[in-house]
N, C-alpha and C. Protein backbone atom coordinates (compact mmCIF):
# COMPACT_ATOMS: atom_id res chain seq x y z
N MET A 1 127.32 42.50 115.44
CA MET A 1 126.41 43.25 116.26
C MET A 1 127.15 44.28 117.11
N THR A 2 128.43 44.02 117.34
CA THR A 2 129.19 44.98 118.13
C THR A 2 129.47 46.24 117.33
N GLN A 3 129.55 46.13 116.01
CA GLN A 3 129.83 47.29 115.18
C GLN A 3 128.64 48.22 115.10
N LYS A 4 127.44 47.67 115.10
CA LYS A 4 126.24 48.49 115.02
C LYS A 4 125.77 48.97 116.38
N LYS A 5 126.44 48.54 117.45
CA LYS A 5 126.09 48.92 118.82
C LYS A 5 124.62 48.60 119.11
N VAL A 6 124.21 47.37 118.79
CA VAL A 6 122.85 46.93 119.04
C VAL A 6 122.58 46.89 120.55
N PHE A 7 123.54 46.36 121.28
CA PHE A 7 123.44 46.30 122.73
C PHE A 7 124.39 47.33 123.33
N SER A 8 123.99 47.92 124.46
CA SER A 8 124.86 48.92 125.10
C SER A 8 126.13 48.27 125.62
N ASP A 9 126.03 47.01 126.04
CA ASP A 9 127.19 46.26 126.51
C ASP A 9 127.28 44.98 125.70
N THR A 10 128.43 44.76 125.08
CA THR A 10 128.62 43.59 124.23
C THR A 10 128.47 42.29 125.01
N PHE A 11 128.77 42.33 126.29
CA PHE A 11 128.71 41.11 127.10
C PHE A 11 127.57 41.16 128.12
N SER A 12 126.50 41.84 127.76
CA SER A 12 125.33 41.85 128.63
C SER A 12 124.65 40.49 128.60
N THR A 13 123.73 40.27 129.50
CA THR A 13 123.04 38.99 129.57
C THR A 13 122.29 38.68 128.28
N THR A 14 121.63 39.68 127.74
CA THR A 14 120.86 39.48 126.51
C THR A 14 121.79 39.21 125.33
N ALA A 15 122.87 39.97 125.22
CA ALA A 15 123.83 39.77 124.13
C ALA A 15 124.43 38.37 124.20
N LEU A 16 124.83 37.94 125.37
CA LEU A 16 125.39 36.60 125.53
C LEU A 16 124.37 35.52 125.19
N ALA A 17 123.11 35.75 125.54
CA ALA A 17 122.06 34.79 125.21
C ALA A 17 121.89 34.67 123.70
N VAL A 18 121.96 35.81 123.00
CA VAL A 18 121.86 35.79 121.53
C VAL A 18 123.05 35.05 120.93
N TYR A 19 124.25 35.33 121.45
CA TYR A 19 125.46 34.67 120.93
C TYR A 19 125.41 33.16 121.15
N GLU A 20 124.90 32.74 122.32
CA GLU A 20 124.84 31.31 122.63
C GLU A 20 123.75 30.59 121.85
N GLU A 21 122.60 31.23 121.72
CA GLU A 21 121.45 30.60 121.07
C GLU A 21 121.63 30.48 119.55
N PHE A 22 122.20 31.51 118.95
CA PHE A 22 122.33 31.55 117.49
C PHE A 22 123.80 31.56 117.11
N GLU A 23 124.31 30.38 116.76
CA GLU A 23 125.72 30.27 116.40
C GLU A 23 126.03 30.94 115.07
N PHE A 24 125.10 30.85 114.13
CA PHE A 24 125.35 31.35 112.78
C PHE A 24 124.39 32.48 112.44
N ALA A 25 124.85 33.36 111.57
CA ALA A 25 124.04 34.52 111.16
C ALA A 25 122.79 34.08 110.40
N GLU A 26 122.87 32.94 109.70
CA GLU A 26 121.72 32.48 108.92
C GLU A 26 120.52 32.21 109.81
N ALA A 27 120.77 31.67 111.01
CA ALA A 27 119.66 31.37 111.92
C ALA A 27 118.96 32.65 112.37
N LEU A 28 119.73 33.69 112.58
CA LEU A 28 119.12 34.97 112.99
C LEU A 28 118.32 35.60 111.87
N GLU A 29 118.86 35.56 110.66
CA GLU A 29 118.16 36.22 109.56
C GLU A 29 116.91 35.48 109.13
N LYS A 30 116.86 34.15 109.35
CA LYS A 30 115.69 33.37 108.96
C LYS A 30 114.60 33.35 110.03
N MET A 31 114.97 33.73 111.25
CA MET A 31 114.01 33.70 112.35
C MET A 31 112.94 34.77 112.16
N ASP A 32 111.71 34.43 112.53
CA ASP A 32 110.60 35.36 112.46
C ASP A 32 110.86 36.53 113.41
N LEU A 33 110.53 37.74 112.96
CA LEU A 33 110.80 38.96 113.74
C LEU A 33 110.07 38.94 115.09
N GLN A 34 108.84 38.46 115.10
CA GLN A 34 108.09 38.42 116.37
C GLN A 34 108.70 37.43 117.35
N GLU A 35 109.20 36.29 116.84
CA GLU A 35 109.86 35.32 117.71
C GLU A 35 111.14 35.90 118.29
N LEU A 36 111.91 36.61 117.45
CA LEU A 36 113.14 37.23 117.91
C LEU A 36 112.85 38.33 118.93
N THR A 37 111.79 39.10 118.71
CA THR A 37 111.40 40.14 119.66
C THR A 37 111.00 39.51 120.99
N ALA A 38 110.25 38.42 120.94
CA ALA A 38 109.86 37.72 122.18
C ALA A 38 111.10 37.19 122.91
N PHE A 39 112.07 36.68 122.15
CA PHE A 39 113.32 36.20 122.74
C PHE A 39 114.07 37.33 123.43
N ILE A 40 114.12 38.50 122.77
CA ILE A 40 114.79 39.68 123.34
C ILE A 40 114.08 40.14 124.61
N ILE A 41 112.76 40.16 124.59
CA ILE A 41 111.99 40.58 125.77
C ILE A 41 112.25 39.61 126.94
N GLU A 42 112.24 38.30 126.63
CA GLU A 42 112.43 37.31 127.67
C GLU A 42 113.84 37.38 128.27
N LYS A 43 114.85 37.39 127.43
CA LYS A 43 116.24 37.39 127.91
C LYS A 43 116.64 38.75 128.48
N GLY A 44 116.03 39.82 128.00
CA GLY A 44 116.34 41.15 128.51
C GLY A 44 115.48 41.55 129.67
N LYS A 45 114.63 40.64 130.13
CA LYS A 45 113.72 40.87 131.27
C LYS A 45 112.89 42.13 131.08
N ASN A 46 112.47 42.34 129.83
CA ASN A 46 111.59 43.46 129.45
C ASN A 46 112.18 44.83 129.80
N ARG A 47 113.50 44.96 129.67
CA ARG A 47 114.16 46.22 130.00
C ARG A 47 114.43 47.10 128.79
N PHE A 48 114.25 46.58 127.59
CA PHE A 48 114.49 47.37 126.38
C PHE A 48 113.29 48.27 126.11
N PRO A 49 113.51 49.55 125.85
CA PRO A 49 112.38 50.44 125.56
C PRO A 49 111.67 50.09 124.25
N ASP A 50 112.45 49.61 123.26
CA ASP A 50 111.86 49.23 121.97
C ASP A 50 112.48 47.90 121.51
N PRO A 51 112.00 46.77 122.03
CA PRO A 51 112.59 45.48 121.66
C PRO A 51 112.42 45.14 120.19
N ASP A 52 111.40 45.68 119.54
CA ASP A 52 111.19 45.45 118.11
C ASP A 52 112.34 46.04 117.31
N ALA A 53 112.77 47.25 117.65
CA ALA A 53 113.88 47.90 116.95
C ALA A 53 115.18 47.14 117.19
N VAL A 54 115.36 46.61 118.39
CA VAL A 54 116.56 45.82 118.69
C VAL A 54 116.58 44.56 117.84
N ALA A 55 115.44 43.90 117.72
CA ALA A 55 115.36 42.68 116.90
C ALA A 55 115.65 42.98 115.44
N LYS A 56 115.12 44.10 114.93
CA LYS A 56 115.40 44.49 113.54
C LYS A 56 116.88 44.78 113.34
N SER A 57 117.50 45.45 114.29
CA SER A 57 118.93 45.77 114.20
C SER A 57 119.77 44.50 114.20
N ILE A 58 119.38 43.54 115.01
CA ILE A 58 120.11 42.26 115.06
C ILE A 58 120.03 41.56 113.71
N GLN A 59 118.84 41.53 113.11
CA GLN A 59 118.70 40.87 111.82
C GLN A 59 119.49 41.59 110.73
N LYS A 60 119.50 42.93 110.75
CA LYS A 60 120.28 43.68 109.76
C LYS A 60 121.77 43.38 109.89
N ALA A 61 122.25 43.33 111.12
CA ALA A 61 123.67 43.06 111.36
C ALA A 61 124.02 41.65 110.89
N ALA A 62 123.12 40.68 111.11
CA ALA A 62 123.36 39.30 110.69
C ALA A 62 123.43 39.21 109.17
N LEU A 63 122.53 39.92 108.44
CA LEU A 63 122.57 39.91 106.97
C LEU A 63 123.86 40.49 106.45
N ALA A 64 124.33 41.58 107.06
CA ALA A 64 125.56 42.23 106.60
C ALA A 64 126.77 41.32 106.84
N LYS A 65 126.80 40.65 107.97
CA LYS A 65 127.93 39.78 108.25
C LYS A 65 127.94 38.57 107.32
N TYR A 66 126.79 37.99 107.06
CA TYR A 66 126.71 36.84 106.18
C TYR A 66 127.20 37.20 104.78
N ALA A 67 126.88 38.40 104.32
CA ALA A 67 127.30 38.82 102.99
C ALA A 67 128.75 39.32 102.96
N GLY A 68 129.39 39.46 104.13
CA GLY A 68 130.77 39.91 104.17
C GLY A 68 130.91 41.41 104.07
N LEU A 69 129.85 42.13 104.38
CA LEU A 69 129.86 43.59 104.28
C LEU A 69 129.93 44.22 105.67
N ALA A 70 130.85 43.74 106.46
CA ALA A 70 131.07 44.27 107.81
C ALA A 70 132.57 44.38 108.02
N TRP A 71 132.95 45.18 108.99
CA TRP A 71 134.36 45.41 109.27
C TRP A 71 134.78 44.70 110.53
N GLN A 72 136.08 44.31 110.56
CA GLN A 72 136.65 43.74 111.76
C GLN A 72 136.70 44.81 112.83
N GLN A 73 136.79 44.39 114.06
CA GLN A 73 136.85 45.35 115.16
C GLN A 73 138.17 45.18 115.90
N HIS A 74 138.91 46.27 116.05
CA HIS A 74 140.16 46.26 116.80
C HIS A 74 140.03 47.28 117.92
N GLN A 75 140.06 46.79 119.15
CA GLN A 75 139.95 47.70 120.28
C GLN A 75 140.69 47.13 121.48
N SER A 76 141.08 48.01 122.36
CA SER A 76 141.74 47.65 123.60
C SER A 76 141.46 48.74 124.61
N GLY A 77 140.77 48.41 125.66
CA GLY A 77 140.41 49.42 126.65
C GLY A 77 139.49 50.47 126.03
N ASN A 78 139.88 51.73 126.11
CA ASN A 78 139.09 52.81 125.52
C ASN A 78 139.45 53.09 124.07
N PHE A 79 140.53 52.46 123.57
CA PHE A 79 140.97 52.69 122.20
C PHE A 79 140.17 51.83 121.23
N GLU A 80 139.76 52.44 120.14
CA GLU A 80 139.11 51.70 119.06
C GLU A 80 139.70 52.18 117.74
N ALA A 81 140.26 51.26 116.95
CA ALA A 81 140.92 51.62 115.70
C ALA A 81 139.92 52.20 114.70
N GLN A 82 140.35 53.22 113.99
CA GLN A 82 139.49 53.87 113.00
C GLN A 82 139.53 53.15 111.65
N THR A 83 140.69 52.65 111.27
CA THR A 83 140.80 51.96 109.98
C THR A 83 140.97 50.47 110.23
N THR A 84 140.00 49.71 109.78
CA THR A 84 140.04 48.26 109.91
C THR A 84 139.64 47.64 108.59
N ARG A 85 139.99 46.39 108.42
CA ARG A 85 139.67 45.66 107.19
C ARG A 85 138.27 45.07 107.27
N MET A 86 137.74 44.72 106.11
CA MET A 86 136.46 44.03 106.08
C MET A 86 136.69 42.57 106.46
N ILE A 87 135.66 41.93 106.98
CA ILE A 87 135.80 40.54 107.43
C ILE A 87 136.06 39.63 106.24
N HIS A 88 136.74 38.53 106.53
CA HIS A 88 137.08 37.57 105.47
C HIS A 88 136.32 36.26 105.61
N SER A 89 135.42 36.17 106.57
CA SER A 89 134.76 34.90 106.86
C SER A 89 133.51 34.66 106.03
N SER A 90 133.36 35.37 104.95
CA SER A 90 132.15 35.23 104.14
C SER A 90 132.50 34.69 102.76
N ASN A 91 131.48 34.55 101.95
CA ASN A 91 131.67 34.12 100.57
C ASN A 91 132.16 35.31 99.75
N ARG A 92 133.39 35.25 99.28
CA ARG A 92 133.96 36.41 98.58
C ARG A 92 133.25 36.69 97.26
N PHE A 93 132.71 35.67 96.64
CA PHE A 93 132.00 35.88 95.39
C PHE A 93 130.68 36.61 95.64
N LEU A 94 129.99 36.26 96.73
CA LEU A 94 128.76 36.95 97.10
C LEU A 94 129.03 38.42 97.37
N LYS A 95 130.10 38.69 98.11
CA LYS A 95 130.47 40.08 98.42
C LYS A 95 130.78 40.84 97.12
N TYR A 96 131.53 40.22 96.23
CA TYR A 96 131.90 40.87 94.97
C TYR A 96 130.67 41.22 94.14
N TYR A 97 129.77 40.26 93.97
CA TYR A 97 128.59 40.50 93.13
C TYR A 97 127.60 41.47 93.78
N LEU A 98 127.51 41.46 95.09
CA LEU A 98 126.66 42.45 95.76
C LEU A 98 127.21 43.86 95.59
N CYS A 99 128.53 44.00 95.67
CA CYS A 99 129.15 45.32 95.46
C CYS A 99 128.99 45.77 94.01
N GLU A 100 129.12 44.86 93.07
CA GLU A 100 128.91 45.21 91.66
C GLU A 100 127.47 45.65 91.41
N ALA A 101 126.53 44.92 92.00
CA ALA A 101 125.12 45.29 91.84
C ALA A 101 124.83 46.64 92.50
N ALA A 102 125.45 46.88 93.65
CA ALA A 102 125.26 48.16 94.32
C ALA A 102 125.83 49.30 93.48
N PHE A 103 126.98 49.08 92.87
CA PHE A 103 127.57 50.13 92.04
C PHE A 103 126.71 50.40 90.80
N SER A 104 126.11 49.35 90.28
CA SER A 104 125.17 49.53 89.17
C SER A 104 123.96 50.35 89.60
N LEU A 105 123.47 50.09 90.80
CA LEU A 105 122.37 50.89 91.33
C LEU A 105 122.78 52.35 91.56
N VAL A 106 124.02 52.55 91.97
CA VAL A 106 124.51 53.92 92.18
C VAL A 106 124.47 54.70 90.87
N ARG A 107 124.81 54.02 89.78
CA ARG A 107 124.80 54.69 88.48
C ARG A 107 123.40 54.91 87.93
N CYS A 108 122.44 54.06 88.31
CA CYS A 108 121.12 54.09 87.68
C CYS A 108 119.99 54.63 88.55
N ASP A 109 120.11 54.54 89.87
CA ASP A 109 119.01 54.88 90.77
C ASP A 109 119.39 56.10 91.61
N LYS A 110 118.53 57.11 91.62
CA LYS A 110 118.82 58.36 92.32
C LYS A 110 118.94 58.16 93.83
N GLU A 111 118.07 57.36 94.41
CA GLU A 111 118.11 57.14 95.86
C GLU A 111 119.45 56.53 96.29
N TYR A 112 119.89 55.51 95.56
CA TYR A 112 121.16 54.88 95.89
C TYR A 112 122.34 55.78 95.56
N ARG A 113 122.25 56.60 94.53
CA ARG A 113 123.31 57.56 94.20
C ARG A 113 123.46 58.58 95.32
N ASP A 114 122.34 59.09 95.82
CA ASP A 114 122.38 60.05 96.93
C ASP A 114 122.97 59.42 98.20
N PHE A 115 122.57 58.18 98.48
CA PHE A 115 123.09 57.48 99.65
C PHE A 115 124.60 57.27 99.52
N TYR A 116 125.05 56.83 98.35
CA TYR A 116 126.48 56.61 98.09
C TYR A 116 127.25 57.92 98.28
N ASN A 117 126.75 59.01 97.72
CA ASN A 117 127.44 60.30 97.83
C ASN A 117 127.49 60.78 99.28
N LEU A 118 126.43 60.55 100.03
CA LEU A 118 126.41 60.92 101.44
C LEU A 118 127.49 60.16 102.21
N LYS A 119 127.58 58.87 102.00
CA LYS A 119 128.57 58.04 102.69
C LYS A 119 129.99 58.34 102.19
N TYR A 120 130.12 58.71 100.93
CA TYR A 120 131.43 59.05 100.36
C TYR A 120 132.01 60.28 101.03
N LYS A 121 131.17 61.25 101.33
CA LYS A 121 131.63 62.51 101.91
C LYS A 121 131.88 62.44 103.42
N GLU A 122 131.48 61.36 104.07
CA GLU A 122 131.61 61.26 105.53
C GLU A 122 133.03 61.07 106.02
N VAL A 123 133.89 60.44 105.22
CA VAL A 123 135.25 60.13 105.67
C VAL A 123 136.28 60.64 104.68
N ASN A 124 137.55 60.65 105.12
CA ASN A 124 138.63 61.13 104.26
C ASN A 124 139.43 60.01 103.61
N ARG A 125 139.42 58.82 104.21
CA ARG A 125 140.20 57.71 103.67
C ARG A 125 139.28 56.60 103.19
N PHE A 126 139.65 55.97 102.12
CA PHE A 126 138.92 54.83 101.56
C PHE A 126 137.45 55.16 101.29
N GLN A 127 137.20 56.36 100.75
CA GLN A 127 135.82 56.81 100.57
C GLN A 127 135.02 55.86 99.68
N HIS A 128 135.56 55.52 98.51
CA HIS A 128 134.81 54.71 97.55
C HIS A 128 134.50 53.33 98.12
N LYS A 129 135.51 52.69 98.70
CA LYS A 129 135.32 51.34 99.21
C LYS A 129 134.28 51.31 100.34
N ARG A 130 134.37 52.26 101.25
CA ARG A 130 133.43 52.32 102.37
C ARG A 130 132.02 52.63 101.89
N ALA A 131 131.91 53.64 101.03
CA ALA A 131 130.59 54.02 100.52
C ALA A 131 129.96 52.89 99.73
N LEU A 132 130.76 52.18 98.96
CA LEU A 132 130.23 51.07 98.16
C LEU A 132 129.77 49.92 99.07
N ALA A 133 130.54 49.62 100.11
CA ALA A 133 130.15 48.55 101.04
C ALA A 133 128.86 48.90 101.77
N LEU A 134 128.74 50.15 102.20
CA LEU A 134 127.51 50.55 102.90
C LEU A 134 126.31 50.59 101.96
N THR A 135 126.54 50.95 100.72
CA THR A 135 125.46 50.92 99.73
C THR A 135 125.06 49.47 99.44
N ALA A 136 126.04 48.57 99.40
CA ALA A 136 125.74 47.15 99.19
C ALA A 136 124.95 46.59 100.37
N ARG A 137 125.25 47.06 101.59
CA ARG A 137 124.46 46.62 102.75
C ARG A 137 123.01 47.07 102.61
N LYS A 138 122.82 48.29 102.16
CA LYS A 138 121.46 48.78 101.94
C LYS A 138 120.78 47.95 100.86
N PHE A 139 121.52 47.58 99.83
CA PHE A 139 120.99 46.75 98.74
C PHE A 139 120.60 45.37 99.27
N VAL A 140 121.39 44.81 100.17
CA VAL A 140 121.08 43.50 100.75
C VAL A 140 119.75 43.56 101.50
N ARG A 141 119.53 44.64 102.25
CA ARG A 141 118.25 44.79 102.96
C ARG A 141 117.10 44.88 101.97
N LEU A 142 117.31 45.57 100.84
CA LEU A 142 116.28 45.68 99.81
C LEU A 142 115.97 44.31 99.22
N VAL A 143 117.01 43.57 98.86
CA VAL A 143 116.82 42.24 98.26
C VAL A 143 116.10 41.31 99.23
N PHE A 144 116.50 41.36 100.49
CA PHE A 144 115.85 40.53 101.50
C PHE A 144 114.36 40.86 101.62
N ALA A 145 114.05 42.15 101.65
CA ALA A 145 112.64 42.56 101.76
C ALA A 145 111.84 42.16 100.52
N LEU A 146 112.45 42.28 99.34
CA LEU A 146 111.76 41.89 98.11
C LEU A 146 111.47 40.40 98.07
N PHE A 147 112.46 39.60 98.47
CA PHE A 147 112.25 38.15 98.51
C PHE A 147 111.22 37.76 99.56
N LYS A 148 111.30 38.41 100.71
CA LYS A 148 110.40 38.09 101.81
C LYS A 148 108.94 38.40 101.44
N ASP A 149 108.71 39.54 100.76
CA ASP A 149 107.36 39.94 100.38
C ASP A 149 106.96 39.46 98.99
N ASN A 150 107.89 38.80 98.29
CA ASN A 150 107.65 38.28 96.93
C ASN A 150 107.17 39.40 96.00
N ARG A 151 107.96 40.49 95.95
CA ARG A 151 107.63 41.65 95.12
C ARG A 151 108.74 41.93 94.13
N LEU A 152 108.42 42.74 93.13
CA LEU A 152 109.40 43.25 92.18
C LEU A 152 109.87 44.60 92.63
N TYR A 153 111.09 44.98 92.23
CA TYR A 153 111.64 46.27 92.59
C TYR A 153 111.07 47.36 91.70
N ARG A 154 110.63 48.44 92.32
CA ARG A 154 110.17 49.61 91.59
C ARG A 154 110.96 50.81 92.08
N SER A 155 111.59 51.49 91.15
CA SER A 155 112.41 52.65 91.50
C SER A 155 111.52 53.78 92.00
N ALA A 156 112.08 54.60 92.89
CA ALA A 156 111.32 55.73 93.44
C ALA A 156 111.17 56.86 92.45
N GLU A 157 111.99 56.88 91.40
CA GLU A 157 111.97 57.96 90.40
C GLU A 157 110.73 57.93 89.55
């Protein structure tokens, strides 16, 4: 959640409440969105302008971390490292197959190809690896939504 800057302060009261209440990412991703929004409103003392968006961001970050598609954070004071490794605390096989599926989508689906190319052009180092990981994160959100709504995937083309 610190990488996506969900909270303005990583150690705010609301952020600490989320960290204490939900030890594992699975609990956050399985929680109902309205319940999570109510939790955010209660712990944040109704100070968030859009608590629904905050709850959605938290769930997205939890899905990415569970799948291993997030980066480690290295910082000290005002310094924040630009090049960091991906986290190792996930299932490496899940990460591998999600990246393979995302690359297959890049080759076959125009929307994912455009997204991959956009992310590829954003940086100068490790373009393919970064773009593929971000495309896989987008794919994870798609798979989650399809399972949640019990639907089949239909391409936009």
